[in-house]
């Protein structure tokens, strides 16, 4: 038996590989273990902004000035 890779077979295997990668990535992104890491990463665009007094109070839960 001679196994010959045709163009259709290569494309089909490529589709299966991409599908498996998509499912793996989806499971990784929606994993509950990753939630704290993603919560921290979600705030990265604001990391270089200086905090105002209101933001500092909100972060500590304090309502006193």
C-alpha atoms as a PDB file:
ATOM      1  CA  UNK A   1       0.000   0.000   0.000  1.00  0.00           C
ATOM      2  CA  UNK A   2       1.436   3.319  -1.067  1.00  0.00           C
ATOM      3  CA  UNK A   3       0.436   6.343   0.969  1.00  0.00           C
ATOM      4  CA  UNK A   4       0.334   9.411  -1.193  1.00  0.00           C
ATOM      5  CA  UNK A   5      -0.352  12.911   0.131  1.00  0.00           C
ATOM      6  CA  UNK A   6      -2.576  14.807  -2.232  1.00  0.00           C
ATOM      7  CA  UNK A   7      -3.292  18.509  -2.045  1.00  0.00           C
ATOM      8  CA  UNK A   8      -6.713  17.796  -0.563  1.00  0.00           C
ATOM      9  CA  UNK A   9      -5.209  15.582   2.146  1.00  0.00           C
ATOM     10  CA  UNK A  10      -2.667  18.271   3.102  1.00  0.00           C
ATOM     11  CA  UNK A  11      -5.399  20.919   3.272  1.00  0.00           C
ATOM     12  CA  UNK A  12      -7.569  18.614   5.371  1.00  0.00           C
ATOM     13  CA  UNK A  13      -4.740  17.937   7.808  1.00  0.00           C
ATOM     14  CA  UNK A  14      -4.037  21.664   8.005  1.00  0.00           C
ATOM     15  CA  UNK A  15      -7.680  22.308   8.820  1.00  0.00           C
ATOM     16  CA  UNK A  16      -7.604  19.699  11.591  1.00  0.00           C
ATOM     17  CA  UNK A  17      -4.436  21.226  13.078  1.00  0.00           C
ATOM     18  CA  UNK A  18      -5.916  24.740  13.063  1.00  0.00           C
ATOM     19  CA  UNK A  19      -9.179  23.466  14.566  1.00  0.00           C
ATOM     20  CA  UNK A  20      -7.351  21.679  17.393  1.00  0.00           C
ATOM     21  CA  UNK A  21      -5.281  24.824  18.054  1.00  0.00           C
ATOM     22  CA  UNK A  22      -8.475  26.912  18.151  1.00  0.00           C
ATOM     23  CA  UNK A  23     -10.134  24.573  20.650  1.00  0.00           C
ATOM     24  CA  UNK A  24      -6.976  24.540  22.814  1.00  0.00           C
ATOM     25  CA  UNK A  25      -6.721  28.324  22.785  1.00  0.00           C
ATOM     26  CA  UNK A  26     -10.403  28.685  23.617  1.00  0.00           C
ATOM     27  CA  UNK A  27     -10.079  26.336  26.601  1.00  0.00           C
ATOM     28  CA  UNK A  28      -6.964  28.196  27.782  1.00  0.00           C
ATOM     29  CA  UNK A  29      -8.617  31.623  27.549  1.00  0.00           C
ATOM     30  CA  UNK A  30     -11.802  30.606  29.352  1.00  0.00           C
ATOM     31  CA  UNK A  31     -10.058  28.554  32.036  1.00  0.00           C
ATOM     32  CA  UNK A  32     -11.005  29.728  35.527  1.00  0.00           C
ATOM     33  CA  UNK A  33      -7.372  29.304  36.680  1.00  0.00           C
ATOM     34  CA  UNK A  34      -6.324  32.134  34.372  1.00  0.00           C
ATOM     35  CA  UNK A  35      -8.888  34.653  35.616  1.00  0.00           C
ATOM     36  CA  UNK A  36      -6.549  36.514  38.043  1.00  0.00           C
ATOM     37  CA  UNK A  37      -3.839  36.821  35.389  1.00  0.00           C
ATOM     38  CA  UNK A  38      -6.288  38.190  32.833  1.00  0.00           C
ATOM     39  CA  UNK A  39      -7.800  40.583  35.404  1.00  0.00           C
ATOM     40  CA  UNK A  40      -4.340  42.038  35.963  1.00  0.00           C
ATOM     41  CA  UNK A  41      -3.577  42.168  32.240  1.00  0.00           C
ATOM     42  CA  UNK A  42      -6.881  43.935  31.600  1.00  0.00           C
ATOM     43  CA  UNK A  43      -5.598  46.906  33.625  1.00  0.00           C
ATOM     44  CA  UNK A  44      -2.194  47.172  31.915  1.00  0.00           C
ATOM     45  CA  UNK A  45      -3.206  50.010  29.527  1.00  0.00           C
ATOM     46  CA  UNK A  46      -3.850  52.183  32.583  1.00  0.00           C
ATOM     47  CA  UNK A  47      -0.657  51.242  34.469  1.00  0.00           C
ATOM     48  CA  UNK A  48       1.360  54.265  33.324  1.00  0.00           C
ATOM     49  CA  UNK A  49      -1.283  56.821  34.332  1.00  0.00           C
ATOM     50  CA  UNK A  50      -0.727  58.536  37.674  1.00  0.00           C
ATOM     51  CA  UNK A  51      -3.405  57.752  40.251  1.00  0.00           C
ATOM     52  CA  UNK A  52      -5.592  60.540  41.549  1.00  0.00           C
ATOM     53  CA  UNK A  53      -6.781  60.725  45.155  1.00  0.00           C
ATOM     54  CA  UNK A  54     -10.190  59.311  44.180  1.00  0.00           C
ATOM     55  CA  UNK A  55      -8.586  56.310  42.466  1.00  0.00           C
ATOM     56  CA  UNK A  56      -6.339  55.649  45.489  1.00  0.00           C
ATOM     57  CA  UNK A  57      -9.342  55.742  47.825  1.00  0.00           C
ATOM     58  CA  UNK A  58     -11.336  53.446  45.545  1.00  0.00           C
ATOM     59  CA  UNK A  59      -8.434  50.991  45.379  1.00  0.00           C
ATOM     60  CA  UNK A  60      -8.097  50.821  49.166  1.00  0.00           C
ATOM     61  CA  UNK A  61     -11.828  50.936  49.872  1.00  0.00           C
ATOM     62  CA  UNK A  62     -11.436  54.061  51.980  1.00  0.00           C
ATOM     63  CA  UNK A  63     -13.933  56.910  51.728  1.00  0.00           C
ATOM     64  CA  UNK A  64     -11.947  59.282  53.924  1.00  0.00           C
ATOM     65  CA  UNK A  65      -9.855  62.012  52.257  1.00  0.00           C
END
